[in-house]
């Protein structure tokens, strides 16, 4: 079994087209094997190019250690990234006092503070905050400043993500692009696609099964005047219904313990007659099954692919294999867009 794993890892390593991709693969695999964040720190230092604020993990941890000698440290953001940040800090013997979150009522049993309560505590002195959300980093940062929190009392940073899925060094565009966004969330990726594409766009299809997210997508489509067809389905390897864990956010996902059922569809069954030129997938661990349901489209049209591979450790090897088996002439690249272990994208281009 170990021999098979080593052989497959070597095969995928050799399929990757540049040293940056190979470095990301090695460090991600070492992190998942050892759970040692030093591999993530090294990967971020070497492979993340743009931040909201200048950032390195070594400098951040040093500053956090100095700050907590005189101040209680709170993390703003009680979601997955905030929890990861807390783990990292505690591994480095830096005490976290608690979390702050505007949706604090969702964490009523955990003592998470609301923003106003935190601001009142800050005004009394002896408190600092680290932002633990990349998606909402700028929003939170601007809010804290507007409430009188000093810049030097705000720790952390976030990777800039406008190039996520659209890396300029890898992606080029054709006339009449047909873009398929699997996991549309709030149409931000569709908006980024429009902003990045310098050619005529024919059609944009946005798959999003979470009802709360669909409402946001429809509102944004109007507000931003986006020409997008919203498809209210999950993407899968077969057509049917599956249980779904809906949270009205980016972590909604297909889950056997989900709180509702959604309709799932194959891309092959819906879009086989559309000349698809670009597929993006970020669907919380359903990428392998979704790719199986897009086999005919991928083989027929050979679209550009930008596929998230960080949701499951095995995705780093299995997803490149699936794609290479479909279209052996694809060139494969990995890029990373986070200060954490998440947001690693596999690109497949001709």
C-alpha atoms as a PDB file:
ATOM      1  CA  UNK A   1       0.000   0.000   0.000  1.00  0.00           C
ATOM      2  CA  UNK A   2       2.826   2.393   0.906  1.00  0.00           C
ATOM      3  CA  UNK A   3       4.559   1.435  -2.338  1.00  0.00           C
ATOM      4  CA  UNK A   4       1.404   2.274  -4.336  1.00  0.00           C
ATOM      5  CA  UNK A   5       1.066   5.630  -2.569  1.00  0.00           C
ATOM      6  CA  UNK A   6       4.715   6.489  -3.239  1.00  0.00           C
ATOM      7  CA  UNK A   7       4.417   5.472  -6.873  1.00  0.00           C
ATOM      8  CA  UNK A   8       1.267   7.540  -7.416  1.00  0.00           C
ATOM      9  CA  UNK A   9       2.725  10.550  -5.616  1.00  0.00           C
ATOM     10  CA  UNK A  10       5.823  10.371  -7.818  1.00  0.00           C
ATOM     11  CA  UNK A  11       3.641  10.108 -10.920  1.00  0.00           C
ATOM     12  CA  UNK A  12       1.627  13.223 -10.057  1.00  0.00           C
ATOM     13  CA  UNK A  13       4.789  15.080  -9.023  1.00  0.00           C
ATOM     14  CA  UNK A  14       6.283  14.374 -12.444  1.00  0.00           C
ATOM     15  CA  UNK A  15       3.107  15.504 -14.227  1.00  0.00           C
ATOM     16  CA  UNK A  16       3.308  18.955 -12.658  1.00  0.00           C
ATOM     17  CA  UNK A  17       4.809  21.504 -15.014  1.00  0.00           C
ATOM     18  CA  UNK A  18       6.920  23.769 -12.795  1.00  0.00           C
ATOM     19  CA  UNK A  19       8.873  23.908  -9.555  1.00  0.00           C
ATOM     20  CA  UNK A  20       6.266  26.057  -7.801  1.00  0.00           C
ATOM     21  CA  UNK A  21       3.639  23.366  -8.366  1.00  0.00           C
ATOM     22  CA  UNK A  22       5.947  20.629  -7.129  1.00  0.00           C
ATOM     23  CA  UNK A  23       6.897  22.638  -4.048  1.00  0.00           C
ATOM     24  CA  UNK A  24       3.221  23.174  -3.150  1.00  0.00           C
ATOM     25  CA  UNK A  25       2.464  19.455  -3.600  1.00  0.00           C
ATOM     26  CA  UNK A  26       5.336  18.361  -1.367  1.00  0.00           C
ATOM     27  CA  UNK A  27       4.545  20.854   1.403  1.00  0.00           C
ATOM     28  CA  UNK A  28       0.824  20.140   1.367  1.00  0.00           C
ATOM     29  CA  UNK A  29       1.428  16.399   1.531  1.00  0.00           C
ATOM     30  CA  UNK A  30       3.975  16.783   4.331  1.00  0.00           C
ATOM     31  CA  UNK A  31       1.520  18.941   6.276  1.00  0.00           C
ATOM     32  CA  UNK A  32      -1.241  16.357   5.933  1.00  0.00           C
ATOM     33  CA  UNK A  33       1.119  13.560   6.973  1.00  0.00           C
ATOM     34  CA  UNK A  34       2.706  15.346   9.946  1.00  0.00           C
ATOM     35  CA  UNK A  35       0.162  18.085  10.863  1.00  0.00           C
ATOM     36  CA  UNK A  36       3.204  20.328  11.357  1.00  0.00           C
ATOM     37  CA  UNK A  37       2.336  23.884  10.337  1.00  0.00           C
ATOM     38  CA  UNK A  38       5.942  24.679   9.473  1.00  0.00           C
ATOM     39  CA  UNK A  39       5.218  23.214   6.026  1.00  0.00           C
ATOM     40  CA  UNK A  40       2.303  25.618   5.563  1.00  0.00           C
ATOM     41  CA  UNK A  41       4.423  28.521   6.805  1.00  0.00           C
ATOM     42  CA  UNK A  42       7.121  27.664   4.266  1.00  0.00           C
ATOM     43  CA  UNK A  43       4.581  27.234   1.473  1.00  0.00           C
ATOM     44  CA  UNK A  44       2.973  30.599   2.230  1.00  0.00           C
ATOM     45  CA  UNK A  45       6.367  32.318   2.434  1.00  0.00           C
ATOM     46  CA  UNK A  46       7.442  30.916  -0.933  1.00  0.00           C
ATOM     47  CA  UNK A  47       4.257  30.731  -2.976  1.00  0.00           C
ATOM     48  CA  UNK A  48       1.705  33.361  -1.900  1.00  0.00           C
ATOM     49  CA  UNK A  49       2.409  36.553  -3.797  1.00  0.00           C
ATOM     50  CA  UNK A  50      -0.100  39.206  -2.687  1.00  0.00           C
ATOM     51  CA  UNK A  51      -1.528  40.152   0.715  1.00  0.00           C
ATOM     52  CA  UNK A  52      -3.843  42.804   2.143  1.00  0.00           C
ATOM     53  CA  UNK A  53      -0.963  43.696   4.499  1.00  0.00           C
ATOM     54  CA  UNK A  54       2.649  42.536   4.349  1.00  0.00           C
ATOM     55  CA  UNK A  55       2.764  39.143   6.049  1.00  0.00           C
ATOM     56  CA  UNK A  56       4.998  36.313   7.164  1.00  0.00           C
ATOM     57  CA  UNK A  57       4.134  33.726   9.776  1.00  0.00           C
ATOM     58  CA  UNK A  58       7.412  34.177  11.659  1.00  0.00           C
ATOM     59  CA  UNK A  59       6.877  37.941  12.037  1.00  0.00           C
ATOM     60  CA  UNK A  60       3.213  37.454  12.905  1.00  0.00           C
ATOM     61  CA  UNK A  61       3.931  34.921  15.674  1.00  0.00           C
ATOM     62  CA  UNK A  62       6.679  37.115  17.101  1.00  0.00           C
ATOM     63  CA  UNK A  63       4.328  40.107  17.220  1.00  0.00           C
ATOM     64  CA  UNK A  64       1.480  38.053  18.710  1.00  0.00           C
ATOM     65  CA  UNK A  65       3.828  36.769  21.411  1.00  0.00           C
ATOM     66  CA  UNK A  66       4.911  40.308  22.279  1.00  0.00           C
ATOM     67  CA  UNK A  67       1.331  41.630  22.273  1.00  0.00           C
ATOM     68  CA  UNK A  68      -0.008  38.937  24.599  1.00  0.00           C
ATOM     69  CA  UNK A  69       2.518  39.765  27.307  1.00  0.00           C
ATOM     70  CA  UNK A  70       0.386  42.816  28.126  1.00  0.00           C
ATOM     71  CA  UNK A  71      -2.895  42.258  26.280  1.00  0.00           C
ATOM     72  CA  UNK A  72      -5.633  39.673  25.941  1.00  0.00           C
ATOM     73  CA  UNK A  73      -5.821  38.455  22.356  1.00  0.00           C
ATOM     74  CA  UNK A  74      -9.161  37.839  20.635  1.00  0.00           C
ATOM     75  CA  UNK A  75      -9.673  36.341  17.183  1.00  0.00           C
ATOM     76  CA  UNK A  76     -12.245  38.087  15.004  1.00  0.00           C
ATOM     77  CA  UNK A  77     -13.890  35.286  13.019  1.00  0.00           C
ATOM     78  CA  UNK A  78     -15.165  32.108  14.674  1.00  0.00           C
ATOM     79  CA  UNK A  79     -15.288  30.039  11.486  1.00  0.00           C
ATOM     80  CA  UNK A  80     -12.844  27.485  10.138  1.00  0.00           C
ATOM     81  CA  UNK A  81      -9.978  29.895   9.512  1.00  0.00           C
ATOM     82  CA  UNK A  82     -10.374  31.480  12.944  1.00  0.00           C
ATOM     83  CA  UNK A  83     -10.259  28.030  14.554  1.00  0.00           C
ATOM     84  CA  UNK A  84      -7.159  27.146  12.527  1.00  0.00           C
ATOM     85  CA  UNK A  85      -5.513  30.378  13.666  1.00  0.00           C
ATOM     86  CA  UNK A  86      -6.309  29.571  17.293  1.00  0.00           C
ATOM     87  CA  UNK A  87      -4.679  26.144  16.906  1.00  0.00           C
ATOM     88  CA  UNK A  88      -1.573  27.673  15.359  1.00  0.00           C
ATOM     89  CA  UNK A  89      -1.259  30.262  18.124  1.00  0.00           C
ATOM     90  CA  UNK A  90      -1.742  27.732  20.915  1.00  0.00           C
ATOM     91  CA  UNK A  91       0.796  25.357  19.368  1.00  0.00           C
ATOM     92  CA  UNK A  92       3.218  28.269  19.709  1.00  0.00           C
ATOM     93  CA  UNK A  93       2.181  28.855  23.334  1.00  0.00           C
ATOM     94  CA  UNK A  94       0.257  32.048  22.575  1.00  0.00           C
ATOM     95  CA  UNK A  95      -2.923  32.286  24.621  1.00  0.00           C
ATOM     96  CA  UNK A  96      -6.200  33.174  22.886  1.00  0.00           C
ATOM     97  CA  UNK A  97      -8.824  34.762  25.119  1.00  0.00           C
ATOM     98  CA  UNK A  98     -11.772  34.034  22.820  1.00  0.00           C
ATOM     99  CA  UNK A  99     -13.551  34.767  19.551  1.00  0.00           C
ATOM    100  CA  UNK A 100     -15.432  37.743  18.144  1.00  0.00           C
ATOM    101  CA  UNK A 101     -17.963  37.279  15.352  1.00  0.00           C
ATOM    102  CA  UNK A 102     -20.822  39.338  13.952  1.00  0.00           C
ATOM    103  CA  UNK A 103     -22.816  36.088  13.804  1.00  0.00           C
ATOM    104  CA  UNK A 104     -22.036  35.429  17.453  1.00  0.00           C
ATOM    105  CA  UNK A 105     -25.532  34.083  18.133  1.00  0.00           C
ATOM    106  CA  UNK A 106     -24.647  31.024  16.042  1.00  0.00           C
ATOM    107  CA  UNK A 107     -22.034  30.217  18.686  1.00  0.00           C
ATOM    108  CA  UNK A 108     -24.211  30.929  21.726  1.00  0.00           C
ATOM    109  CA  UNK A 109     -22.829  27.993  23.700  1.00  0.00           C
ATOM    110  CA  UNK A 110     -19.196  28.967  23.118  1.00  0.00           C
ATOM    111  CA  UNK A 111     -19.035  32.433  24.635  1.00  0.00           C
ATOM    112  CA  UNK A 112     -18.247  34.143  21.335  1.00  0.00           C
ATOM    113  CA  UNK A 113     -18.487  37.933  21.720  1.00  0.00           C
ATOM    114  CA  UNK A 114     -20.355  40.233  19.392  1.00  0.00           C
ATOM    115  CA  UNK A 115     -18.474  43.139  17.759  1.00  0.00           C
ATOM    116  CA  UNK A 116     -20.009  45.811  20.006  1.00  0.00           C
ATOM    117  CA  UNK A 117     -19.124  43.922  23.168  1.00  0.00           C
ATOM    118  CA  UNK A 118     -15.550  43.509  21.953  1.00  0.00           C
ATOM    119  CA  UNK A 119     -15.239  47.213  21.083  1.00  0.00           C
ATOM    120  CA  UNK A 120     -16.418  48.136  24.586  1.00  0.00           C
ATOM    121  CA  UNK A 121     -13.788  45.797  26.061  1.00  0.00           C
ATOM    122  CA  UNK A 122     -11.144  47.336  23.801  1.00  0.00           C
ATOM    123  CA  UNK A 123     -11.970  50.833  25.027  1.00  0.00           C
ATOM    124  CA  UNK A 124     -11.284  49.673  28.585  1.00  0.00           C
ATOM    125  CA  UNK A 125      -7.731  48.731  27.520  1.00  0.00           C
ATOM    126  CA  UNK A 126      -5.568  45.621  27.624  1.00  0.00           C
ATOM    127  CA  UNK A 127      -7.097  43.995  24.540  1.00  0.00           C
ATOM    128  CA  UNK A 128      -5.908  43.325  20.971  1.00  0.00           C
ATOM    129  CA  UNK A 129      -7.387  41.418  18.059  1.00  0.00           C
ATOM    130  CA  UNK A 130      -6.231  39.179  15.233  1.00  0.00           C
ATOM    131  CA  UNK A 131      -8.421  38.838  12.161  1.00  0.00           C
ATOM    132  CA  UNK A 132      -9.144  35.180  11.462  1.00  0.00           C
ATOM    133  CA  UNK A 133     -11.117  35.456   8.232  1.00  0.00           C
ATOM    134  CA  UNK A 134      -9.540  35.860   4.826  1.00  0.00           C
ATOM    135  CA  UNK A 135     -12.743  36.317   2.829  1.00  0.00           C
ATOM    136  CA  UNK A 136     -13.894  39.205   5.021  1.00  0.00           C
ATOM    137  CA  UNK A 137     -10.492  40.520   6.078  1.00  0.00           C
ATOM    138  CA  UNK A 138     -10.792  44.005   4.559  1.00  0.00           C
ATOM    139  CA  UNK A 139     -14.373  44.423   5.750  1.00  0.00           C
ATOM    140  CA  UNK A 140     -13.401  43.482   9.313  1.00  0.00           C
ATOM    141  CA  UNK A 141     -10.210  45.556   9.217  1.00  0.00           C
ATOM    142  CA  UNK A 142     -12.046  48.675   8.035  1.00  0.00           C
ATOM    143  CA  UNK A 143     -14.787  48.128  10.625  1.00  0.00           C
ATOM    144  CA  UNK A 144     -12.294  47.849  13.479  1.00  0.00           C
ATOM    145  CA  UNK A 145     -10.511  51.032  12.401  1.00  0.00           C
ATOM    146  CA  UNK A 146     -13.836  52.876  12.148  1.00  0.00           C
ATOM    147  CA  UNK A 147     -14.598  51.843  15.739  1.00  0.00           C
ATOM    148  CA  UNK A 148     -11.375  53.347  17.028  1.00  0.00           C
ATOM    149  CA  UNK A 149      -9.204  50.230  17.190  1.00  0.00           C
ATOM    150  CA  UNK A 150      -5.616  51.264  16.486  1.00  0.00           C
ATOM    151  CA  UNK A 151      -3.860  49.682  13.534  1.00  0.00           C
ATOM    152  CA  UNK A 152      -1.067  48.411  15.794  1.00  0.00           C
ATOM    153  CA  UNK A 153      -3.650  46.502  17.838  1.00  0.00           C
ATOM    154  CA  UNK A 154      -4.937  44.640  14.763  1.00  0.00           C
ATOM    155  CA  UNK A 155      -2.886  41.563  13.882  1.00  0.00           C
ATOM    156  CA  UNK A 156      -2.907  39.336  10.846  1.00  0.00           C
ATOM    157  CA  UNK A 157      -3.390  39.549   7.124  1.00  0.00           C
ATOM    158  CA  UNK A 158      -4.983  37.661   4.259  1.00  0.00           C
ATOM    159  CA  UNK A 159      -4.046  36.644   0.755  1.00  0.00           C
ATOM    160  CA  UNK A 160      -5.588  38.667  -2.057  1.00  0.00           C
ATOM    161  CA  UNK A 161      -7.805  36.302  -4.016  1.00  0.00           C
ATOM    162  CA  UNK A 162      -8.927  38.131  -7.182  1.00  0.00           C
ATOM    163  CA  UNK A 163      -6.494  35.998  -9.194  1.00  0.00           C
ATOM    164  CA  UNK A 164      -7.675  32.759  -7.571  1.00  0.00           C
ATOM    165  CA  UNK A 165      -8.872  30.478 -10.403  1.00  0.00           C
ATOM    166  CA  UNK A 166      -7.627  33.081 -12.942  1.00  0.00           C
ATOM    167  CA  UNK A 167      -3.840  33.145 -12.580  1.00  0.00           C
ATOM    168  CA  UNK A 168      -2.618  35.482 -15.292  1.00  0.00           C
ATOM    169  CA  UNK A 169       0.531  33.457 -15.910  1.00  0.00           C
ATOM    170  CA  UNK A 170      -1.525  30.347 -16.676  1.00  0.00           C
ATOM    171  CA  UNK A 171      -4.928  31.405 -18.019  1.00  0.00           C
ATOM    172  CA  UNK A 172      -5.598  32.933 -21.429  1.00  0.00           C
ATOM    173  CA  UNK A 173      -9.012  33.589 -22.915  1.00  0.00           C
ATOM    174  CA  UNK A 174     -10.813  32.909 -26.187  1.00  0.00           C
ATOM    175  CA  UNK A 175     -13.593  34.793 -27.909  1.00  0.00           C
ATOM    176  CA  UNK A 176     -17.044  33.650 -26.788  1.00  0.00           C
ATOM    177  CA  UNK A 177     -15.963  32.151 -23.465  1.00  0.00           C
ATOM    178  CA  UNK A 178     -18.459  29.779 -21.828  1.00  0.00           C
ATOM    179  CA  UNK A 179     -17.639  29.742 -18.126  1.00  0.00           C
ATOM    180  CA  UNK A 180     -19.039  27.201 -15.657  1.00  0.00           C
ATOM    181  CA  UNK A 181     -18.761  28.161 -11.978  1.00  0.00           C
ATOM    182  CA  UNK A 182     -19.392  25.182  -9.700  1.00  0.00           C
ATOM    183  CA  UNK A 183     -19.939  26.506  -6.187  1.00  0.00           C
ATOM    184  CA  UNK A 184     -20.951  30.063  -7.075  1.00  0.00           C
ATOM    185  CA  UNK A 185     -21.622  31.146  -3.441  1.00  0.00           C
ATOM    186  CA  UNK A 186     -22.274  34.880  -4.021  1.00  0.00           C
ATOM    187  CA  UNK A 187     -21.218  35.274  -7.685  1.00  0.00           C
ATOM    188  CA  UNK A 188     -17.912  36.852  -6.645  1.00  0.00           C
ATOM    189  CA  UNK A 189     -15.967  34.353  -8.759  1.00  0.00           C
ATOM    190  CA  UNK A 190     -18.215  35.104 -11.751  1.00  0.00           C
ATOM    191  CA  UNK A 191     -17.590  38.804 -11.212  1.00  0.00           C
ATOM    192  CA  UNK A 192     -13.834  38.160 -11.010  1.00  0.00           C
ATOM    193  CA  UNK A 193     -14.026  36.130 -14.221  1.00  0.00           C
ATOM    194  CA  UNK A 194     -15.690  39.051 -16.021  1.00  0.00           C
ATOM    195  CA  UNK A 195     -13.020  41.388 -14.637  1.00  0.00           C
ATOM    196  CA  UNK A 196     -10.175  39.140 -15.755  1.00  0.00           C
ATOM    197  CA  UNK A 197     -11.478  38.044 -19.150  1.00  0.00           C
ATOM    198  CA  UNK A 198     -10.310  40.346 -21.941  1.00  0.00           C
ATOM    199  CA  UNK A 199     -12.374  38.596 -24.640  1.00  0.00           C
ATOM    200  CA  UNK A 200     -16.040  38.389 -25.523  1.00  0.00           C
ATOM    201  CA  UNK A 201     -18.046  36.280 -23.064  1.00  0.00           C
ATOM    202  CA  UNK A 202     -20.839  34.154 -24.513  1.00  0.00           C
ATOM    203  CA  UNK A 203     -22.378  32.578 -21.406  1.00  0.00           C
ATOM    204  CA  UNK A 204     -21.772  32.116 -17.685  1.00  0.00           C
ATOM    205  CA  UNK A 205     -23.396  29.223 -15.812  1.00  0.00           C
ATOM    206  CA  UNK A 206     -23.353  29.344 -12.014  1.00  0.00           C
ATOM    207  CA  UNK A 207     -24.168  26.190 -10.000  1.00  0.00           C
ATOM    208  CA  UNK A 208     -25.271  26.932  -6.429  1.00  0.00           C
ATOM    209  CA  UNK A 209     -27.644  24.683  -4.407  1.00  0.00           C
ATOM    210  CA  UNK A 210     -27.801  26.569  -1.074  1.00  0.00           C
ATOM    211  CA  UNK A 211     -31.087  28.520  -0.998  1.00  0.00           C
ATOM    212  CA  UNK A 212     -29.659  31.405   1.052  1.00  0.00           C
ATOM    213  CA  UNK A 213     -26.699  31.683  -1.283  1.00  0.00           C
ATOM    214  CA  UNK A 214     -29.017  31.578  -4.317  1.00  0.00           C
ATOM    215  CA  UNK A 215     -30.882  34.613  -2.965  1.00  0.00           C
ATOM    216  CA  UNK A 216     -27.580  36.479  -2.626  1.00  0.00           C
ATOM    217  CA  UNK A 217     -26.582  35.425  -6.160  1.00  0.00           C
ATOM    218  CA  UNK A 218     -29.846  36.757  -7.614  1.00  0.00           C
ATOM    219  CA  UNK A 219     -29.482  40.048  -5.752  1.00  0.00           C
ATOM    220  CA  UNK A 220     -25.878  40.469  -6.892  1.00  0.00           C
ATOM    221  CA  UNK A 221     -26.740  39.548 -10.463  1.00  0.00           C
ATOM    222  CA  UNK A 222     -29.092  42.532 -10.535  1.00  0.00           C
ATOM    223  CA  UNK A 223     -26.872  44.890  -8.538  1.00  0.00           C
ATOM    224  CA  UNK A 224     -23.786  44.195 -10.658  1.00  0.00           C
ATOM    225  CA  UNK A 225     -25.670  43.731 -13.941  1.00  0.00           C
ATOM    226  CA  UNK A 226     -24.091  40.306 -14.442  1.00  0.00           C
ATOM    227  CA  UNK A 227     -25.342  38.139 -17.295  1.00  0.00           C
ATOM    228  CA  UNK A 228     -25.301  34.821 -15.451  1.00  0.00           C
ATOM    229  CA  UNK A 229     -27.612  31.814 -15.604  1.00  0.00           C
ATOM    230  CA  UNK A 230     -27.999  30.525 -12.036  1.00  0.00           C
ATOM    231  CA  UNK A 231     -28.476  26.745 -11.862  1.00  0.00           C
ATOM    232  CA  UNK A 232     -29.891  25.706  -8.435  1.00  0.00           C
ATOM    233  CA  UNK A 233     -28.201  22.307  -8.319  1.00  0.00           C
ATOM    234  CA  UNK A 234     -25.276  20.556  -6.736  1.00  0.00           C
ATOM    235  CA  UNK A 235     -22.734  19.122  -9.187  1.00  0.00           C
ATOM    236  CA  UNK A 236     -22.194  15.366  -8.990  1.00  0.00           C
ATOM    237  CA  UNK A 237     -21.370  12.163 -10.885  1.00  0.00           C
ATOM    238  CA  UNK A 238     -25.059  11.253 -11.342  1.00  0.00           C
ATOM    239  CA  UNK A 239     -28.437  12.961 -11.509  1.00  0.00           C
ATOM    240  CA  UNK A 240     -30.652  12.658  -8.448  1.00  0.00           C
ATOM    241  CA  UNK A 241     -31.014  13.897  -4.880  1.00  0.00           C
ATOM    242  CA  UNK A 242     -28.486  13.959  -2.043  1.00  0.00           C
ATOM    243  CA  UNK A 243     -28.449  15.177   1.546  1.00  0.00           C
ATOM    244  CA  UNK A 244     -26.958  18.622   1.934  1.00  0.00           C
ATOM    245  CA  UNK A 245     -25.644  20.581   4.897  1.00  0.00           C
ATOM    246  CA  UNK A 246     -26.846  24.133   4.238  1.00  0.00           C
ATOM    247  CA  UNK A 247     -25.282  26.902   6.307  1.00  0.00           C
ATOM    248  CA  UNK A 248     -25.855  29.854   3.975  1.00  0.00           C
ATOM    249  CA  UNK A 249     -22.124  30.307   3.478  1.00  0.00           C
ATOM    250  CA  UNK A 250     -19.079  28.950   1.661  1.00  0.00           C
ATOM    251  CA  UNK A 251     -18.938  25.773   3.745  1.00  0.00           C
ATOM    252  CA  UNK A 252     -22.348  24.440   2.660  1.00  0.00           C
ATOM    253  CA  UNK A 253     -21.755  20.968   1.268  1.00  0.00           C
ATOM    254  CA  UNK A 254     -23.111  17.588   0.249  1.00  0.00           C
ATOM    255  CA  UNK A 255     -23.188  15.524   3.437  1.00  0.00           C
ATOM    256  CA  UNK A 256     -24.974  12.272   4.391  1.00  0.00           C
ATOM    257  CA  UNK A 257     -25.782  13.936   7.710  1.00  0.00           C
ATOM    258  CA  UNK A 258     -27.118  17.052   6.021  1.00  0.00           C
ATOM    259  CA  UNK A 259     -30.214  18.929   7.130  1.00  0.00           C
ATOM    260  CA  UNK A 260     -31.989  18.894   3.744  1.00  0.00           C
ATOM    261  CA  UNK A 261     -31.987  17.306   0.300  1.00  0.00           C
ATOM    262  CA  UNK A 262     -30.917  19.005  -2.906  1.00  0.00           C
ATOM    263  CA  UNK A 263     -31.074  18.084  -6.560  1.00  0.00           C
ATOM    264  CA  UNK A 264     -27.695  17.181  -8.059  1.00  0.00           C
ATOM    265  CA  UNK A 265     -26.874  17.087 -11.743  1.00  0.00           C
ATOM    266  CA  UNK A 266     -24.062  15.998 -14.015  1.00  0.00           C
ATOM    267  CA  UNK A 267     -22.471  18.715 -16.106  1.00  0.00           C
ATOM    268  CA  UNK A 268     -22.614  16.163 -18.934  1.00  0.00           C
ATOM    269  CA  UNK A 269     -26.398  15.887 -18.658  1.00  0.00           C
ATOM    270  CA  UNK A 270     -27.030  19.646 -18.590  1.00  0.00           C
ATOM    271  CA  UNK A 271     -24.331  21.229 -20.718  1.00  0.00           C
ATOM    272  CA  UNK A 272     -23.005  18.609 -23.149  1.00  0.00           C
ATOM    273  CA  UNK A 273     -24.178  20.717 -26.121  1.00  0.00           C
ATOM    274  CA  UNK A 274     -22.588  23.940 -24.852  1.00  0.00           C
ATOM    275  CA  UNK A 275     -19.043  24.723 -26.077  1.00  0.00           C
ATOM    276  CA  UNK A 276     -17.654  25.050 -22.556  1.00  0.00           C
ATOM    277  CA  UNK A 277     -14.279  26.780 -22.439  1.00  0.00           C
ATOM    278  CA  UNK A 278     -13.624  27.088 -18.676  1.00  0.00           C
ATOM    279  CA  UNK A 279     -14.763  25.131 -15.612  1.00  0.00           C
ATOM    280  CA  UNK A 280     -14.064  26.215 -12.040  1.00  0.00           C
ATOM    281  CA  UNK A 281     -14.906  23.939  -9.078  1.00  0.00           C
ATOM    282  CA  UNK A 282     -14.784  24.788  -5.372  1.00  0.00           C
ATOM    283  CA  UNK A 283     -17.488  22.557  -3.924  1.00  0.00           C
ATOM    284  CA  UNK A 284     -16.305  21.476  -0.486  1.00  0.00           C
ATOM    285  CA  UNK A 285     -15.003  18.016  -1.252  1.00  0.00           C
ATOM    286  CA  UNK A 286     -17.374  17.025  -4.070  1.00  0.00           C
ATOM    287  CA  UNK A 287     -14.826  17.808  -6.791  1.00  0.00           C
ATOM    288  CA  UNK A 288     -13.939  14.190  -7.605  1.00  0.00           C
ATOM    289  CA  UNK A 289     -17.570  13.210  -8.134  1.00  0.00           C
ATOM    290  CA  UNK A 290     -18.297  16.387 -10.082  1.00  0.00           C
ATOM    291  CA  UNK A 291     -15.372  15.698 -12.423  1.00  0.00           C
ATOM    292  CA  UNK A 292     -16.717  12.195 -13.059  1.00  0.00           C
ATOM    293  CA  UNK A 293     -20.006  13.824 -14.075  1.00  0.00           C
ATOM    294  CA  UNK A 294     -18.174  16.152 -16.472  1.00  0.00           C
ATOM    295  CA  UNK A 295     -16.075  13.520 -18.240  1.00  0.00           C
ATOM    296  CA  UNK A 296     -17.720  13.856 -21.651  1.00  0.00           C
ATOM    297  CA  UNK A 297     -17.679  17.674 -21.602  1.00  0.00           C
ATOM    298  CA  UNK A 298     -13.999  17.705 -20.629  1.00  0.00           C
ATOM    299  CA  UNK A 299     -13.039  15.180 -23.308  1.00  0.00           C
ATOM    300  CA  UNK A 300     -15.159  16.912 -25.978  1.00  0.00           C
ATOM    301  CA  UNK A 301     -14.265  20.559 -25.385  1.00  0.00           C
ATOM    302  CA  UNK A 302     -10.998  20.362 -23.383  1.00  0.00           C
ATOM    303  CA  UNK A 303     -11.902  23.454 -21.343  1.00  0.00           C
ATOM    304  CA  UNK A 304      -9.531  25.256 -19.025  1.00  0.00           C
ATOM    305  CA  UNK A 305      -9.947  23.797 -15.525  1.00  0.00           C
ATOM    306  CA  UNK A 306      -9.420  25.440 -12.132  1.00  0.00           C
ATOM    307  CA  UNK A 307     -10.233  22.827  -9.494  1.00  0.00           C
ATOM    308  CA  UNK A 308      -9.878  23.141  -5.713  1.00  0.00           C
ATOM    309  CA  UNK A 309      -7.827  20.255  -4.329  1.00  0.00           C
ATOM    310  CA  UNK A 310      -7.521  21.118  -0.625  1.00  0.00           C
ATOM    311  CA  UNK A 311     -10.761  19.753   0.830  1.00  0.00           C
ATOM    312  CA  UNK A 312      -9.491  16.166   1.156  1.00  0.00           C
ATOM    313  CA  UNK A 313      -5.834  15.101   1.452  1.00  0.00           C
ATOM    314  CA  UNK A 314      -6.298  12.466  -1.262  1.00  0.00           C
ATOM    315  CA  UNK A 315      -7.494  15.135  -3.730  1.00  0.00           C
ATOM    316  CA  UNK A 316      -3.905  16.275  -4.287  1.00  0.00           C
ATOM    317  CA  UNK A 317      -3.222  12.976  -6.045  1.00  0.00           C
ATOM    318  CA  UNK A 318      -6.637  11.747  -7.186  1.00  0.00           C
ATOM    319  CA  UNK A 319      -7.912  14.872  -8.940  1.00  0.00           C
ATOM    320  CA  UNK A 320      -4.797  15.331 -11.132  1.00  0.00           C
ATOM    321  CA  UNK A 321      -5.049  11.634 -12.032  1.00  0.00           C
ATOM    322  CA  UNK A 322      -8.701  11.924 -13.081  1.00  0.00           C
ATOM    323  CA  UNK A 323      -7.995  14.972 -15.232  1.00  0.00           C
ATOM    324  CA  UNK A 324      -4.855  13.518 -16.820  1.00  0.00           C
ATOM    325  CA  UNK A 325      -6.694  10.279 -17.626  1.00  0.00           C
ATOM    326  CA  UNK A 326      -9.416  12.277 -19.401  1.00  0.00           C
ATOM    327  CA  UNK A 327      -7.082  14.508 -21.420  1.00  0.00           C
ATOM    328  CA  UNK A 328      -3.421  13.421 -21.246  1.00  0.00           C
ATOM    329  CA  UNK A 329      -2.245  16.523 -23.113  1.00  0.00           C
ATOM    330  CA  UNK A 330      -3.377  18.861 -20.315  1.00  0.00           C
ATOM    331  CA  UNK A 331      -0.557  20.719 -18.595  1.00  0.00           C
ATOM    332  CA  UNK A 332      -1.058  20.698 -14.812  1.00  0.00           C
ATOM    333  CA  UNK A 333      -0.105  23.420 -12.310  1.00  0.00           C
ATOM    334  CA  UNK A 334      -0.755  24.036  -8.609  1.00  0.00           C
ATOM    335  CA  UNK A 335      -1.126  27.496  -7.081  1.00  0.00           C
ATOM    336  CA  UNK A 336      -1.932  28.553  -3.507  1.00  0.00           C
ATOM    337  CA  UNK A 337      -4.058  31.519  -2.376  1.00  0.00           C
ATOM    338  CA  UNK A 338      -4.199  31.564   1.423  1.00  0.00           C
ATOM    339  CA  UNK A 339      -2.067  32.062   4.520  1.00  0.00           C
ATOM    340  CA  UNK A 340      -3.551  28.764   5.758  1.00  0.00           C
ATOM    341  CA  UNK A 341      -3.583  25.268   4.262  1.00  0.00           C
ATOM    342  CA  UNK A 342      -6.760  25.963   2.230  1.00  0.00           C
ATOM    343  CA  UNK A 343      -7.334  27.507  -1.222  1.00  0.00           C
ATOM    344  CA  UNK A 344      -4.981  25.387  -3.305  1.00  0.00           C
ATOM    345  CA  UNK A 345      -6.080  25.248  -6.946  1.00  0.00           C
ATOM    346  CA  UNK A 346      -5.117  22.772  -9.667  1.00  0.00           C
ATOM    347  CA  UNK A 347      -5.054  24.306 -13.130  1.00  0.00           C
ATOM    348  CA  UNK A 348      -5.315  22.187 -16.266  1.00  0.00           C
ATOM    349  CA  UNK A 349      -4.586  24.038 -19.508  1.00  0.00           C
ATOM    350  CA  UNK A 350      -3.524  23.187 -23.037  1.00  0.00           C
END
